[in-house]
Amino acid sequence: MPQDPVQLLPGQKALVAGGSSSIREGVVRALAAAGAAVGVNYRSHSEEAERIVDDIRGAYGKAVALKAVVSDEAEVQAVLASSMRSGASTSWWRTQASKKMAPSST
């Protein structure tokens, strides 16, 4: 029987831009397995993002799908409002949003 992964990030939060796409999905899952609450950002593949979030919630804990083009300030503000409703730390989301991550071309 496999052992539970070491919880290196309990209480931490992570937002992965483009988190529903191939390799970034692995990053999202690894962060969740390490104990972080994860935000799975997507631009157009809501079904994939929701599938990943459902898997993470079932296996590890906290996850939320967040639709936004992170280079668009209005969309970032909408993500912040959504994160407040989901119980995520607003100060953390504001820090991530202020980094002005560019959307992936993948």
N, C-alpha and C. Protein backbone atom coordinates (compact mmCIF):
# COMPACT_ATOMS: atom_id res chain seq x y z
N MET A 1 0.85 -1.18 0.00
CA MET A 1 0.00 0.00 0.00
C MET A 1 0.89 1.24 0.00
N PRO A 2 0.63 2.22 -0.91
CA PRO A 2 1.46 3.42 -0.94
C PRO A 2 1.25 4.27 0.30
N GLN A 3 2.32 4.89 0.73
CA GLN A 3 2.24 5.78 1.88
C GLN A 3 1.73 7.14 1.44
N ASP A 4 1.12 7.87 2.40
CA ASP A 4 0.70 9.23 2.12
C ASP A 4 1.93 10.09 1.86
N PRO A 5 1.82 11.05 0.92
CA PRO A 5 2.97 11.93 0.68
C PRO A 5 3.25 12.82 1.88
N VAL A 6 4.49 13.24 1.99
CA VAL A 6 4.88 14.14 3.07
C VAL A 6 4.18 15.48 2.85
N GLN A 7 3.58 16.01 3.90
CA GLN A 7 2.87 17.28 3.82
C GLN A 7 3.84 18.44 4.04
N LEU A 8 4.50 18.88 2.99
CA LEU A 8 5.48 19.96 3.08
C LEU A 8 4.85 21.35 3.04
N LEU A 9 3.61 21.44 2.58
CA LEU A 9 2.98 22.75 2.39
C LEU A 9 1.64 22.91 3.11
N PRO A 10 1.46 22.34 4.28
CA PRO A 10 0.16 22.50 4.95
C PRO A 10 -0.09 23.96 5.28
N GLY A 11 -1.32 24.41 5.01
CA GLY A 11 -1.69 25.79 5.31
C GLY A 11 -1.26 26.79 4.25
N GLN A 12 -0.54 26.34 3.24
CA GLN A 12 -0.11 27.23 2.16
C GLN A 12 -1.15 27.21 1.05
N LYS A 13 -1.11 28.22 0.20
CA LYS A 13 -2.03 28.31 -0.93
C LYS A 13 -1.22 28.52 -2.20
N ALA A 14 -1.70 27.96 -3.30
CA ALA A 14 -1.00 28.09 -4.57
C ALA A 14 -2.01 28.30 -5.69
N LEU A 15 -1.71 29.21 -6.57
CA LEU A 15 -2.51 29.45 -7.76
C LEU A 15 -1.63 29.09 -8.95
N VAL A 16 -2.12 28.19 -9.79
CA VAL A 16 -1.36 27.77 -10.97
C VAL A 16 -2.09 28.28 -12.20
N ALA A 17 -1.47 29.26 -12.87
CA ALA A 17 -2.05 29.81 -14.10
C ALA A 17 -2.01 28.73 -15.17
N GLY A 18 -3.14 28.51 -15.82
CA GLY A 18 -3.21 27.44 -16.81
C GLY A 18 -3.16 26.07 -16.17
N GLY A 19 -3.64 25.97 -14.95
CA GLY A 19 -3.51 24.74 -14.17
C GLY A 19 -4.26 23.55 -14.70
N SER A 20 -5.13 23.74 -15.69
CA SER A 20 -5.87 22.60 -16.23
C SER A 20 -5.20 22.03 -17.48
N SER A 21 -4.03 22.54 -17.84
CA SER A 21 -3.35 22.03 -19.03
C SER A 21 -2.21 21.09 -18.65
N SER A 22 -2.04 20.09 -19.41
CA SER A 22 -1.09 18.99 -19.28
C SER A 22 -0.09 19.06 -18.13
N ILE A 23 1.09 19.60 -18.36
CA ILE A 23 2.14 19.57 -17.34
C ILE A 23 1.76 20.37 -16.10
N ARG A 24 1.03 21.44 -16.27
CA ARG A 24 0.62 22.23 -15.12
C ARG A 24 -0.36 21.47 -14.23
N GLU A 25 -1.11 20.55 -14.81
CA GLU A 25 -1.98 19.70 -14.00
C GLU A 25 -1.14 18.90 -13.01
N GLY A 26 0.00 18.41 -13.46
CA GLY A 26 0.90 17.68 -12.56
C GLY A 26 1.41 18.55 -11.44
N VAL A 27 1.68 19.81 -11.75
CA VAL A 27 2.14 20.76 -10.73
C VAL A 27 1.03 20.99 -9.71
N VAL A 28 -0.19 21.19 -10.18
CA VAL A 28 -1.33 21.40 -9.29
C VAL A 28 -1.50 20.20 -8.36
N ARG A 29 -1.45 19.01 -8.93
CA ARG A 29 -1.63 17.80 -8.13
C ARG A 29 -0.51 17.63 -7.10
N ALA A 30 0.72 17.93 -7.50
CA ALA A 30 1.85 17.82 -6.58
C ALA A 30 1.72 18.80 -5.42
N LEU A 31 1.31 20.03 -5.72
CA LEU A 31 1.11 21.02 -4.67
C LEU A 31 0.02 20.57 -3.70
N ALA A 32 -1.08 20.05 -4.25
CA ALA A 32 -2.18 19.58 -3.41
C ALA A 32 -1.73 18.39 -2.55
N ALA A 33 -0.99 17.48 -3.15
CA ALA A 33 -0.50 16.32 -2.41
C ALA A 33 0.42 16.73 -1.27
N ALA A 34 1.13 17.84 -1.46
CA ALA A 34 2.03 18.35 -0.42
C ALA A 34 1.29 19.15 0.64
N GLY A 35 -0.02 19.29 0.50
CA GLY A 35 -0.82 19.93 1.54
C GLY A 35 -1.32 21.33 1.24
N ALA A 36 -0.98 21.88 0.09
CA ALA A 36 -1.41 23.24 -0.25
C ALA A 36 -2.86 23.24 -0.75
N ALA A 37 -3.58 24.32 -0.47
CA ALA A 37 -4.87 24.58 -1.09
C ALA A 37 -4.54 25.17 -2.46
N VAL A 38 -5.17 24.66 -3.51
CA VAL A 38 -4.78 25.09 -4.85
C VAL A 38 -5.92 25.76 -5.61
N GLY A 39 -5.54 26.78 -6.38
CA GLY A 39 -6.43 27.43 -7.32
C GLY A 39 -6.02 26.98 -8.70
N VAL A 40 -6.95 26.36 -9.42
CA VAL A 40 -6.69 25.88 -10.77
C VAL A 40 -7.25 26.91 -11.73
N ASN A 41 -6.36 27.74 -12.26
CA ASN A 41 -6.78 28.78 -13.19
C ASN A 41 -6.93 28.17 -14.58
N TYR A 42 -8.00 28.57 -15.27
CA TYR A 42 -8.21 28.14 -16.65
C TYR A 42 -8.78 29.28 -17.45
N ARG A 43 -8.56 29.21 -18.75
CA ARG A 43 -9.09 30.22 -19.65
C ARG A 43 -10.33 29.71 -20.37
N SER A 44 -10.30 28.44 -20.83
CA SER A 44 -11.41 27.96 -21.65
C SER A 44 -11.81 26.52 -21.41
N HIS A 45 -11.09 25.75 -20.65
CA HIS A 45 -11.40 24.34 -20.46
C HIS A 45 -11.97 24.08 -19.07
N SER A 46 -13.18 24.56 -18.84
CA SER A 46 -13.78 24.45 -17.51
C SER A 46 -13.98 23.00 -17.09
N GLU A 47 -14.33 22.12 -18.05
CA GLU A 47 -14.56 20.72 -17.69
C GLU A 47 -13.29 20.10 -17.13
N GLU A 48 -12.15 20.37 -17.75
CA GLU A 48 -10.88 19.83 -17.27
C GLU A 48 -10.54 20.39 -15.89
N ALA A 49 -10.71 21.68 -15.73
CA ALA A 49 -10.41 22.31 -14.44
C ALA A 49 -11.28 21.73 -13.34
N GLU A 50 -12.56 21.57 -13.60
CA GLU A 50 -13.48 21.03 -12.60
C GLU A 50 -13.16 19.57 -12.29
N ARG A 51 -12.75 18.79 -13.29
CA ARG A 51 -12.37 17.40 -13.07
C ARG A 51 -11.16 17.33 -12.14
N ILE A 52 -10.18 18.18 -12.39
CA ILE A 52 -8.98 18.21 -11.56
C ILE A 52 -9.33 18.62 -10.13
N VAL A 53 -10.15 19.64 -10.00
CA VAL A 53 -10.57 20.12 -8.67
C VAL A 53 -11.32 19.01 -7.92
N ASP A 54 -12.23 18.32 -8.60
CA ASP A 54 -12.97 17.24 -7.95
C ASP A 54 -12.02 16.13 -7.48
N ASP A 55 -11.05 15.78 -8.33
CA ASP A 55 -10.06 14.75 -7.96
C ASP A 55 -9.28 15.19 -6.72
N ILE A 56 -8.83 16.43 -6.72
CA ILE A 56 -8.02 16.93 -5.61
C ILE A 56 -8.84 16.98 -4.32
N ARG A 57 -10.06 17.45 -4.42
CA ARG A 57 -10.92 17.50 -3.23
C ARG A 57 -11.14 16.10 -2.65
N GLY A 58 -11.29 15.12 -3.53
CA GLY A 58 -11.51 13.76 -3.07
C GLY A 58 -10.26 13.13 -2.45
N ALA A 59 -9.10 13.52 -2.93
CA ALA A 59 -7.86 12.87 -2.49
C ALA A 59 -7.09 13.66 -1.43
N TYR A 60 -7.08 14.98 -1.55
CA TYR A 60 -6.17 15.78 -0.72
C TYR A 60 -6.84 16.86 0.11
N GLY A 61 -7.86 17.52 -0.44
CA GLY A 61 -8.45 18.60 0.33
C GLY A 61 -8.93 19.76 -0.51
N LYS A 62 -8.40 20.93 -0.26
CA LYS A 62 -8.94 22.16 -0.82
C LYS A 62 -8.44 22.45 -2.23
N ALA A 63 -9.41 22.79 -3.10
CA ALA A 63 -9.09 23.20 -4.47
C ALA A 63 -10.27 23.98 -5.01
N VAL A 64 -10.00 24.89 -5.90
CA VAL A 64 -11.04 25.68 -6.53
C VAL A 64 -10.62 25.97 -7.97
N ALA A 65 -11.58 25.90 -8.90
CA ALA A 65 -11.34 26.26 -10.30
C ALA A 65 -11.66 27.74 -10.48
N LEU A 66 -10.77 28.47 -11.11
CA LEU A 66 -10.92 29.91 -11.27
C LEU A 66 -10.71 30.30 -12.73
N LYS A 67 -11.76 30.78 -13.38
CA LYS A 67 -11.65 31.19 -14.78
C LYS A 67 -11.19 32.63 -14.85
N ALA A 68 -10.08 32.86 -15.56
CA ALA A 68 -9.59 34.22 -15.77
C ALA A 68 -8.42 34.22 -16.73
N VAL A 69 -8.34 35.28 -17.51
CA VAL A 69 -7.12 35.60 -18.25
C VAL A 69 -6.36 36.52 -17.30
N VAL A 70 -5.27 36.01 -16.72
CA VAL A 70 -4.65 36.73 -15.62
C VAL A 70 -3.96 38.02 -16.02
N SER A 71 -3.83 38.29 -17.30
CA SER A 71 -3.28 39.58 -17.72
C SER A 71 -4.38 40.65 -17.83
N ASP A 72 -5.64 40.27 -17.62
CA ASP A 72 -6.78 41.18 -17.69
C ASP A 72 -7.20 41.57 -16.27
N GLU A 73 -6.99 42.81 -15.90
CA GLU A 73 -7.24 43.28 -14.53
C GLU A 73 -8.68 43.01 -14.07
N ALA A 74 -9.66 43.22 -14.96
CA ALA A 74 -11.05 42.99 -14.57
C ALA A 74 -11.28 41.52 -14.24
N GLU A 75 -10.68 40.63 -15.01
CA GLU A 75 -10.85 39.21 -14.74
C GLU A 75 -10.14 38.82 -13.45
N VAL A 76 -9.00 39.43 -13.19
CA VAL A 76 -8.28 39.16 -11.93
C VAL A 76 -9.14 39.59 -10.75
N GLN A 77 -9.78 40.74 -10.85
CA GLN A 77 -10.66 41.20 -9.77
C GLN A 77 -11.82 40.23 -9.56
N ALA A 78 -12.34 39.68 -10.65
CA ALA A 78 -13.42 38.69 -10.54
C ALA A 78 -12.93 37.44 -9.82
N VAL A 79 -11.69 37.01 -10.11
CA VAL A 79 -11.11 35.86 -9.43
C VAL A 79 -10.98 36.15 -7.94
N LEU A 80 -10.56 37.37 -7.60
CA LEU A 80 -10.43 37.74 -6.20
C LEU A 80 -11.78 37.65 -5.49
N ALA A 81 -12.82 38.15 -6.14
CA ALA A 81 -14.15 38.09 -5.54
C ALA A 81 -14.60 36.64 -5.38
N SER A 82 -14.33 35.82 -6.37
CA SER A 82 -14.68 34.40 -6.31
C SER A 82 -13.92 33.71 -5.19
N SER A 83 -12.66 34.04 -5.03
CA SER A 83 -11.87 33.40 -3.98
C SER A 83 -12.38 33.78 -2.60
N MET A 84 -12.89 34.99 -2.46
CA MET A 84 -13.47 35.40 -1.18
C MET A 84 -14.68 34.53 -0.85
N ARG A 85 -15.50 34.26 -1.86
CA ARG A 85 -16.69 33.43 -1.64
C ARG A 85 -16.30 31.99 -1.30
N SER A 86 -15.14 31.54 -1.82
CA SER A 86 -14.72 30.16 -1.57
C SER A 86 -13.94 30.02 -0.27
N GLY A 87 -13.68 31.13 0.42
CA GLY A 87 -13.00 31.08 1.70
C GLY A 87 -11.49 31.20 1.61
N ALA A 88 -10.96 31.48 0.44
CA ALA A 88 -9.51 31.62 0.31
C ALA A 88 -9.06 32.96 0.89
N SER A 89 -7.81 33.04 1.22
CA SER A 89 -7.25 34.26 1.79
C SER A 89 -7.15 35.35 0.73
N THR A 90 -7.84 36.45 0.95
CA THR A 90 -7.81 37.54 -0.04
C THR A 90 -6.43 38.14 -0.18
N SER A 91 -5.70 38.27 0.91
CA SER A 91 -4.37 38.86 0.79
C SER A 91 -3.47 37.99 -0.06
N TRP A 92 -3.61 36.69 0.05
CA TRP A 92 -2.81 35.79 -0.77
C TRP A 92 -3.17 35.95 -2.24
N TRP A 93 -4.47 35.98 -2.55
CA TRP A 93 -4.88 36.11 -3.95
C TRP A 93 -4.42 37.44 -4.52
N ARG A 94 -4.50 38.49 -3.73
CA ARG A 94 -4.05 39.80 -4.22
C ARG A 94 -2.56 39.78 -4.52
N THR A 95 -1.77 39.12 -3.69
CA THR A 95 -0.33 39.01 -3.94
C THR A 95 -0.08 38.29 -5.25
N GLN A 96 -0.78 37.20 -5.47
CA GLN A 96 -0.59 36.45 -6.71
C GLN A 96 -1.01 37.27 -7.93
N ALA A 97 -2.14 37.94 -7.81
CA ALA A 97 -2.65 38.72 -8.93
C ALA A 97 -1.73 39.88 -9.26
N SER A 98 -1.09 40.44 -8.26
CA SER A 98 -0.24 41.61 -8.50
C SER A 98 1.04 41.26 -9.23
N LYS A 99 1.34 39.98 -9.31
CA LYS A 99 2.56 39.57 -10.05
C LYS A 99 2.35 39.65 -11.56
N LYS A 100 1.12 39.86 -11.98
CA LYS A 100 0.77 40.03 -13.40
C LYS A 100 1.30 38.89 -14.27
N MET A 101 0.95 37.66 -13.88
CA MET A 101 1.37 36.52 -14.66
C MET A 101 0.72 36.58 -16.03
N ALA A 102 1.49 36.36 -17.07
CA ALA A 102 0.95 36.37 -18.43
C ALA A 102 0.30 35.03 -18.72
N PRO A 103 -0.82 35.02 -19.47
CA PRO A 103 -1.45 33.75 -19.79
C PRO A 103 -0.56 32.92 -20.71
N SER A 104 -0.70 31.63 -20.58
CA SER A 104 0.10 30.72 -21.39
C SER A 104 -0.43 30.70 -22.81
N SER A 105 0.45 30.43 -23.75
CA SER A 105 0.02 30.32 -25.14
C SER A 105 -0.34 28.88 -25.48
N THR A 106 -0.27 27.98 -24.48
CA THR A 106 -0.60 26.57 -24.73
C THR A 106 -2.05 26.29 -24.51
